PDB file of all heavy atoms in Angstrom:
ATOM      1  N   ALA A   1     -25.687-225.884-100.618  1.00  0.00           N
ATOM      2  CA  ALA A   1     -25.804-226.583 -99.346  1.00  0.00           C
ATOM      3  C   ALA A   1     -25.295-228.000 -99.567  1.00  0.00           C
ATOM      4  O   ALA A   1     -25.551-228.607-100.622  1.00  0.00           O
ATOM      5  CB  ALA A   1     -27.254-226.597 -98.857  1.00  0.00           C
ATOM      6  N   ALA A   2     -24.578-228.530 -98.590  1.00  0.00           N
ATOM      7  CA  ALA A   2     -23.946-229.830 -98.801  1.00  0.00           C
ATOM      8  C   ALA A   2     -23.836-230.610 -97.497  1.00  0.00           C
ATOM      9  O   ALA A   2     -23.895-230.042 -96.399  1.00  0.00           O
ATOM     10  CB  ALA A   2     -22.563-229.646 -99.424  1.00  0.00           C
ATOM     11  N   LEU A   3     -23.651-231.908 -97.662  1.00  0.00           N
ATOM     12  CA  LEU A   3     -23.443-232.833 -96.549  1.00  0.00           C
ATOM     13  C   LEU A   3     -21.971-233.228 -96.519  1.00  0.00           C
ATOM     14  O   LEU A   3     -21.406-233.614 -97.536  1.00  0.00           O
ATOM     15  CB  LEU A   3     -24.319-234.072 -96.726  1.00  0.00           C
ATOM     16  CG  LEU A   3     -24.165-235.182 -95.688  1.00  0.00           C
ATOM     17  CD1 LEU A   3     -24.739-234.738 -94.352  1.00  0.00           C
ATOM     18  CD2 LEU A   3     -24.875-236.451 -96.180  1.00  0.00           C
ATOM     19  N   GLU A   4     -21.358-233.141 -95.348  1.00  0.00           N
ATOM     20  CA  GLU A   4     -19.975-233.569 -95.163  1.00  0.00           C
ATOM     21  C   GLU A   4     -19.942-234.833 -94.306  1.00  0.00           C
ATOM     22  O   GLU A   4     -20.698-234.962 -93.350  1.00  0.00           O
ATOM     23  CB  GLU A   4     -19.160-232.483 -94.456  1.00  0.00           C
ATOM     24  CG  GLU A   4     -19.022-231.199 -95.222  1.00  0.00           C
ATOM     25  CD  GLU A   4     -18.200-230.169 -94.451  1.00  0.00           C
ATOM     26  OE1 GLU A   4     -17.838-230.457 -93.285  1.00  0.00           O
ATOM     27  OE2 GLU A   4     -17.932-229.097 -94.993  1.00  0.00           O
ATOM     28  N   VAL A   5     -19.034-235.749 -94.645  1.00  0.00           N
ATOM     29  CA  VAL A   5     -18.858-236.980 -93.878  1.00  0.00           C
ATOM     30  C   VAL A   5     -17.377-237.118 -93.524  1.00  0.00           C
ATOM     31  O   VAL A   5     -16.504-236.958 -94.387  1.00  0.00           O
ATOM     32  CB  VAL A   5     -19.328-238.215 -94.681  1.00  0.00           C
ATOM     33  CG1 VAL A   5     -19.047-239.495 -93.898  1.00  0.00           C
ATOM     34  CG2 VAL A   5     -20.818-238.103 -94.999  1.00  0.00           C
ATOM     35  N   TYR A   6     -17.106-237.425 -92.249  1.00  0.00           N
ATOM     36  CA  TYR A   6     -15.747-237.568 -91.722  1.00  0.00           C
ATOM     37  C   TYR A   6     -15.541-239.020 -91.301  1.00  0.00           C
ATOM     38  O   TYR A   6     -15.805-239.398 -90.158  1.00  0.00           O
ATOM     39  CB  TYR A   6     -15.555-236.630 -90.531  1.00  0.00           C
ATOM     40  CG  TYR A   6     -15.614-235.175 -90.917  1.00  0.00           C
ATOM     41  CD1 TYR A   6     -16.839-234.539 -91.091  1.00  0.00           C
ATOM     42  CD2 TYR A   6     -14.457-234.446 -91.136  1.00  0.00           C
ATOM     43  CE1 TYR A   6     -16.911-233.212 -91.464  1.00  0.00           C
ATOM     44  CE2 TYR A   6     -14.514-233.117 -91.512  1.00  0.00           C
ATOM     45  CZ  TYR A   6     -15.745-232.504 -91.672  1.00  0.00           C
ATOM     46  OH  TYR A   6     -15.799-231.181 -92.054  1.00  0.00           O
ATOM     47  N   PRO A   7     -15.079-239.879 -92.211  1.00  0.00           N
ATOM     48  CA  PRO A   7     -15.047-241.320 -91.937  1.00  0.00           C
ATOM     49  C   PRO A   7     -14.027-241.745 -90.887  1.00  0.00           C
ATOM     50  O   PRO A   7     -14.164-242.820 -90.301  1.00  0.00           O
ATOM     51  CB  PRO A   7     -14.720-241.929 -93.308  1.00  0.00           C
ATOM     52  CG  PRO A   7     -13.994-240.850 -94.031  1.00  0.00           C
ATOM     53  CD  PRO A   7     -14.617-239.572 -93.581  1.00  0.00           C
ATOM     54  N   THR A   8     -12.996-240.933 -90.649  1.00  0.00           N
ATOM     55  CA  THR A   8     -11.950-241.371 -89.723  1.00  0.00           C
ATOM     56  C   THR A   8     -12.238-241.002 -88.272  1.00  0.00           C
ATOM     57  O   THR A   8     -11.448-241.336 -87.389  1.00  0.00           O
ATOM     58  CB  THR A   8     -10.593-240.764 -90.129  1.00  0.00           C
ATOM     59  OG1 THR A   8     -10.671-239.328 -90.032  1.00  0.00           O
ATOM     60  CG2 THR A   8     -10.223-241.170 -91.544  1.00  0.00           C
ATOM     61  N   VAL A   9     -13.351-240.307 -88.040  1.00  0.00           N
ATOM     62  CA  VAL A   9     -13.678-239.928 -86.664  1.00  0.00           C
ATOM     63  C   VAL A   9     -13.730-241.147 -85.763  1.00  0.00           C
ATOM     64  O   VAL A   9     -13.280-241.126 -84.604  1.00  0.00           O
ATOM     65  CB  VAL A   9     -15.011-239.157 -86.617  1.00  0.00           C
ATOM     66  CG1 VAL A   9     -15.554-239.080 -85.195  1.00  0.00           C
ATOM     67  CG2 VAL A   9     -14.829-237.754 -87.180  1.00  0.00           C
ATOM     68  N   PHE A  10     -14.267-242.252 -86.278  1.00  0.00           N
ATOM     69  CA  PHE A  10     -14.434-243.447 -85.462  1.00  0.00           C
ATOM     70  C   PHE A  10     -13.103-244.120 -85.135  1.00  0.00           C
ATOM     71  O   PHE A  10     -13.051-244.998 -84.274  1.00  0.00           O
ATOM     72  CB  PHE A  10     -15.353-244.438 -86.183  1.00  0.00           C
ATOM     73  CG  PHE A  10     -16.690-243.850 -86.526  1.00  0.00           C
ATOM     74  CD1 PHE A  10     -16.984-243.446 -87.828  1.00  0.00           C
ATOM     75  CD2 PHE A  10     -17.646-243.665 -85.543  1.00  0.00           C
ATOM     76  CE1 PHE A  10     -18.212-242.894 -88.143  1.00  0.00           C
ATOM     77  CE2 PHE A  10     -18.885-243.112 -85.852  1.00  0.00           C
ATOM     78  CZ  PHE A  10     -19.168-242.727 -87.143  1.00  0.00           C
ATOM     79  N   LEU A  11     -12.036-243.710 -85.802  1.00  0.00           N
ATOM     80  CA  LEU A  11     -10.724-244.292 -85.548  1.00  0.00           C
ATOM     81  C   LEU A  11      -9.896-243.423 -84.616  1.00  0.00           C
ATOM     82  O   LEU A  11      -8.793-243.815 -84.221  1.00  0.00           O
ATOM     83  CB  LEU A  11      -9.969-244.489 -86.870  1.00  0.00           C
ATOM     84  CG  LEU A  11     -10.683-245.323 -87.935  1.00  0.00           C
ATOM     85  CD1 LEU A  11      -9.837-245.382 -89.206  1.00  0.00           C
ATOM     86  CD2 LEU A  11     -10.978-246.720 -87.421  1.00  0.00           C
ATOM     87  N   GLU A  12     -10.378-242.249 -84.292  1.00  0.00           N
ATOM     88  CA  GLU A  12      -9.598-241.318 -83.483  1.00  0.00           C
ATOM     89  C   GLU A  12      -9.609-241.703 -82.001  1.00  0.00           C
ATOM     90  O   GLU A  12     -10.548-242.320 -81.503  1.00  0.00           O
ATOM     91  CB  GLU A  12     -10.141-239.897 -83.638  1.00  0.00           C
ATOM     92  CG  GLU A  12      -9.948-239.307 -85.020  1.00  0.00           C
ATOM     93  CD  GLU A  12     -10.543-237.915 -85.126  1.00  0.00           C
ATOM     94  OE1 GLU A  12     -11.063-237.418 -84.110  1.00  0.00           O
ATOM     95  OE2 GLU A  12     -10.490-237.338 -86.231  1.00  0.00           O
ATOM     96  N   GLN A  13      -8.580-241.290 -81.330  1.00  0.00           N
ATOM     97  CA  GLN A  13      -8.561-241.355 -79.877  1.00  0.00           C
ATOM     98  C   GLN A  13      -9.183-240.059 -79.374  1.00  0.00           C
ATOM     99  O   GLN A  13      -8.720-238.975 -79.686  1.00  0.00           O
ATOM    100  CB  GLN A  13      -7.125-241.492 -79.364  1.00  0.00           C
ATOM    101  CG  GLN A  13      -6.433-242.747 -79.849  1.00  0.00           C
ATOM    102  CD  GLN A  13      -7.124-244.009 -79.364  1.00  0.00           C
ATOM    103  OE1 GLN A  13      -7.489-244.090 -78.189  1.00  0.00           O
ATOM    104  NE2 GLN A  13      -7.290-244.987 -80.237  1.00  0.00           N
ATOM    105  N   TYR A  14     -10.245-240.149 -78.625  1.00  0.00           N
ATOM    106  CA  TYR A  14     -11.008-238.960 -78.247  1.00  0.00           C
ATOM    107  C   TYR A  14     -10.354-238.211 -77.092  1.00  0.00           C
ATOM    108  O   TYR A  14     -10.846-238.149 -75.982  1.00  0.00           O
ATOM    109  CB  TYR A  14     -12.440-239.356 -77.892  1.00  0.00           C
ATOM    110  CG  TYR A  14     -13.184-239.885 -79.086  1.00  0.00           C
ATOM    111  CD1 TYR A  14     -13.326-241.249 -79.287  1.00  0.00           C
ATOM    112  CD2 TYR A  14     -13.711-239.015 -80.034  1.00  0.00           C
ATOM    113  CE1 TYR A  14     -13.979-241.743 -80.401  1.00  0.00           C
ATOM    114  CE2 TYR A  14     -14.377-239.510 -81.153  1.00  0.00           C
ATOM    115  CZ  TYR A  14     -14.504-240.873 -81.325  1.00  0.00           C
ATOM    116  OH  TYR A  14     -15.156-241.338 -82.422  1.00  0.00           O
ATOM    117  N   ASP A  15      -9.191-237.648 -77.391  1.00  0.00           N
ATOM    118  CA  ASP A  15      -8.450-236.900 -76.386  1.00  0.00           C
ATOM    119  C   ASP A  15      -8.274-235.443 -76.790  1.00  0.00           C
ATOM    120  O   ASP A  15      -7.309-234.797 -76.445  1.00  0.00           O
ATOM    121  CB  ASP A  15      -7.090-237.539 -76.150  1.00  0.00           C
ATOM    122  CG  ASP A  15      -6.286-237.663 -77.455  1.00  0.00           C
ATOM    123  OD1 ASP A  15      -6.846-237.319 -78.512  1.00  0.00           O
ATOM    124  OD2 ASP A  15      -5.127-238.090 -77.390  1.00  0.00           O
ATOM    125  N   GLY A  16      -9.229-234.908 -77.544  1.00  0.00           N
ATOM    126  CA  GLY A  16      -9.139-233.526 -77.996  1.00  0.00           C
ATOM    127  C   GLY A  16      -8.723-233.461 -79.450  1.00  0.00           C
ATOM    128  O   GLY A  16      -8.170-234.405 -80.008  1.00  0.00           O
ATOM    129  N   LEU A  17      -8.972-232.338 -80.091  1.00  0.00           N
ATOM    130  CA  LEU A  17      -8.745-232.205 -81.527  1.00  0.00           C
ATOM    131  C   LEU A  17      -7.398-231.602 -81.885  1.00  0.00           C
ATOM    132  O   LEU A  17      -7.036-231.590 -83.054  1.00  0.00           O
ATOM    133  CB  LEU A  17      -9.863-231.328 -82.127  1.00  0.00           C
ATOM    134  CG  LEU A  17     -11.276-231.923 -82.059  1.00  0.00           C
ATOM    135  CD1 LEU A  17     -12.277-230.914 -82.601  1.00  0.00           C
ATOM    136  CD2 LEU A  17     -11.353-233.213 -82.825  1.00  0.00           C
ATOM    137  N   GLN A  18      -6.673-231.052 -80.917  1.00  0.00           N
ATOM    138  CA  GLN A  18      -5.442-230.330 -81.235  1.00  0.00           C
ATOM    139  C   GLN A  18      -4.447-231.231 -81.953  1.00  0.00           C
ATOM    140  O   GLN A  18      -4.140-232.332 -81.504  1.00  0.00           O
ATOM    141  CB  GLN A  18      -4.811-229.778 -79.960  1.00  0.00           C
ATOM    142  CG  GLN A  18      -3.587-228.900 -80.257  1.00  0.00           C
ATOM    143  CD  GLN A  18      -3.111-228.192 -79.011  1.00  0.00           C
ATOM    144  OE1 GLN A  18      -3.735-228.298 -77.968  1.00  0.00           O
ATOM    145  NE2 GLN A  18      -2.018-227.475 -79.123  1.00  0.00           N
ATOM    146  N   GLY A  19      -3.969-230.725 -83.084  1.00  0.00           N
ATOM    147  CA  GLY A  19      -2.984-231.468 -83.845  1.00  0.00           C
ATOM    148  C   GLY A  19      -3.553-232.607 -84.653  1.00  0.00           C
ATOM    149  O   GLY A  19      -2.797-233.429 -85.164  1.00  0.00           O
ATOM    150  N   LYS A  20      -4.869-232.703 -84.797  1.00  0.00           N
ATOM    151  CA  LYS A  20      -5.472-233.817 -85.502  1.00  0.00           C
ATOM    152  C   LYS A  20      -5.734-233.480 -86.964  1.00  0.00           C
ATOM    153  O   LYS A  20      -6.182-232.386 -87.295  1.00  0.00           O
ATOM    154  CB  LYS A  20      -6.789-234.211 -84.842  1.00  0.00           C
ATOM    155  CG  LYS A  20      -6.629-234.837 -83.464  1.00  0.00           C
ATOM    156  CD  LYS A  20      -5.871-236.165 -83.534  1.00  0.00           C
ATOM    157  CE  LYS A  20      -5.719-236.811 -82.178  1.00  0.00           C
ATOM    158  NZ  LYS A  20      -6.991-237.197 -81.596  1.00  0.00           N
ATOM    159  N   LEU A  21      -5.459-234.468 -87.813  1.00  0.00           N
ATOM    160  CA  LEU A  21      -5.783-234.365 -89.231  1.00  0.00           C
ATOM    161  C   LEU A  21      -7.090-235.106 -89.463  1.00  0.00           C
ATOM    162  O   LEU A  21      -7.219-236.275 -89.084  1.00  0.00           O
ATOM    163  CB  LEU A  21      -4.665-234.984 -90.067  1.00  0.00           C
ATOM    164  CG  LEU A  21      -4.811-234.891 -91.585  1.00  0.00           C
ATOM    165  CD1 LEU A  21      -4.688-233.445 -92.035  1.00  0.00           C
ATOM    166  CD2 LEU A  21      -3.754-235.754 -92.266  1.00  0.00           C
ATOM    167  N   ARG A  22      -8.049-234.434 -90.088  1.00  0.00           N
ATOM    168  CA  ARG A  22      -9.374-235.031 -90.243  1.00  0.00           C
ATOM    169  C   ARG A  22      -9.818-234.937 -91.713  1.00  0.00           C
ATOM    170  O   ARG A  22     -10.271-233.889 -92.172  1.00  0.00           O
ATOM    171  CB  ARG A  22     -10.364-234.337 -89.330  1.00  0.00           C
ATOM    172  CG  ARG A  22     -11.746-234.957 -89.340  1.00  0.00           C
ATOM    173  CD  ARG A  22     -12.617-234.425 -88.218  1.00  0.00           C
ATOM    174  NE  ARG A  22     -12.265-235.034 -86.937  1.00  0.00           N
ATOM    175  CZ  ARG A  22     -12.938-234.821 -85.799  1.00  0.00           C
ATOM    176  NH1 ARG A  22     -13.984-233.996 -85.803  1.00  0.00           N
ATOM    177  NH2 ARG A  22     -12.568-235.408 -84.689  1.00  0.00           N
ATOM    178  N   PRO A  23      -9.704-236.003 -92.515  1.00  0.00           N
ATOM    179  CA  PRO A  23     -10.170-235.991 -93.909  1.00  0.00           C
ATOM    180  C   PRO A  23     -11.687-236.092 -93.981  1.00  0.00           C
ATOM    181  O   PRO A  23     -12.341-236.569 -93.053  1.00  0.00           O
ATOM    182  CB  PRO A  23      -9.506-237.222 -94.520  1.00  0.00           C
ATOM    183  CG  PRO A  23      -9.298-238.138 -93.369  1.00  0.00           C
ATOM    184  CD  PRO A  23      -9.046-237.270 -92.162  1.00  0.00           C
ATOM    185  N   TYR A  24     -12.232-235.669 -95.131  1.00  0.00           N
ATOM    186  CA  TYR A  24     -13.676-235.703 -95.303  1.00  0.00           C
ATOM    187  C   TYR A  24     -14.035-235.754 -96.784  1.00  0.00           C
ATOM    188  O   TYR A  24     -13.198-235.483 -97.662  1.00  0.00           O
ATOM    189  CB  TYR A  24     -14.328-234.472 -94.656  1.00  0.00           C
ATOM    190  CG  TYR A  24     -13.908-233.153 -95.258  1.00  0.00           C
ATOM    191  CD1 TYR A  24     -14.594-232.584 -96.343  1.00  0.00           C
ATOM    192  CD2 TYR A  24     -12.822-232.462 -94.758  1.00  0.00           C
ATOM    193  CE1 TYR A  24     -14.200-231.383 -96.894  1.00  0.00           C
ATOM    194  CE2 TYR A  24     -12.425-231.263 -95.297  1.00  0.00           C
ATOM    195  CZ  TYR A  24     -13.119-230.718 -96.368  1.00  0.00           C
ATOM    196  OH  TYR A  24     -12.706-229.516 -96.917  1.00  0.00           O
ATOM    197  N   ALA A  25     -15.284-236.094 -97.044  1.00  0.00           N
ATOM    198  CA  ALA A  25     -15.867-236.024 -98.383  1.00  0.00           C
ATOM    199  C   ALA A  25     -17.166-235.229 -98.289  1.00  0.00           C
ATOM    200  O   ALA A  25     -17.803-235.185 -97.235  1.00  0.00           O
ATOM    201  CB  ALA A  25     -16.145-237.422 -98.928  1.00  0.00           C
ATOM    202  N   MET A  26     -17.530-234.588 -99.390  1.00  0.00           N
ATOM    203  CA  MET A  26     -18.693-233.704 -99.372  1.00  0.00           C
ATOM    204  C   MET A  26     -19.453-233.799-100.690  1.00  0.00           C
ATOM    205  O   MET A  26     -18.856-233.986-101.755  1.00  0.00           O
ATOM    206  CB  MET A  26     -18.233-232.257 -99.153  1.00  0.00           C
ATOM    207  CG  MET A  26     -19.357-231.249 -98.993  1.00  0.00           C
ATOM    208  SD  MET A  26     -18.871-229.590 -99.574  1.00  0.00           S
ATOM    209  CE  MET A  26     -19.024-229.785-101.354  1.00  0.00           C
ATOM    210  N   MET A  27     -20.787-233.673-100.627  1.00  0.00           N
ATOM    211  CA  MET A  27     -21.622-233.601-101.822  1.00  0.00           C
ATOM    212  C   MET A  27     -22.856-232.776-101.495  1.00  0.00           C
ATOM    213  O   MET A  27     -23.354-232.813-100.360  1.00  0.00           O
ATOM    214  CB  MET A  27     -22.026-234.984-102.313  1.00  0.00           C
ATOM    215  CG  MET A  27     -22.906-234.962-103.562  1.00  0.00           C
ATOM    216  SD  MET A  27     -23.267-236.618-104.215  1.00  0.00           S
ATOM    217  CE  MET A  27     -21.659-237.051-104.879  1.00  0.00           C
ATOM    218  N   GLY A  28     -23.327-232.010-102.492  1.00  0.00           N
ATOM    219  CA  GLY A  28     -24.493-231.178-102.225  1.00  0.00           C
ATOM    220  C   GLY A  28     -25.185-230.737-103.496  1.00  0.00           C
ATOM    221  O   GLY A  28     -24.979-231.295-104.581  1.00  0.00           O
ATOM    222  N   LEU A  29     -25.992-229.725-103.358  1.00  0.00           N
ATOM    223  CA  LEU A  29     -26.744-229.149-104.476  1.00  0.00           C
ATOM    224  C   LEU A  29     -26.677-227.633-104.343  1.00  0.00           C
ATOM    225  O   LEU A  29     -26.811-227.095-103.236  1.00  0.00           O
ATOM    226  CB  LEU A  29     -28.193-229.619-104.454  1.00  0.00           C
ATOM    227  CG  LEU A  29     -29.077-229.162-105.621  1.00  0.00           C
ATOM    228  CD1 LEU A  29     -28.590-229.774-106.932  1.00  0.00           C
ATOM    229  CD2 LEU A  29     -30.537-229.544-105.366  1.00  0.00           C
ATOM    230  N   GLY A  30     -26.481-226.962-105.467  1.00  0.00           N
ATOM    231  CA  GLY A  30     -26.357-225.512-105.417  1.00  0.00           C
ATOM    232  C   GLY A  30     -26.897-224.835-106.652  1.00  0.00           C
ATOM    233  O   GLY A  30     -27.423-225.470-107.563  1.00  0.00           O
TER     234      GLY A  30
END
């Protein structure tokens, strides 16, 4: 199980997700 964070969401123009590149980082325990 892990937590994902999408830091660039706050920089996006909120006009839909189509064609969007969304980087992320993740960390968890298993």
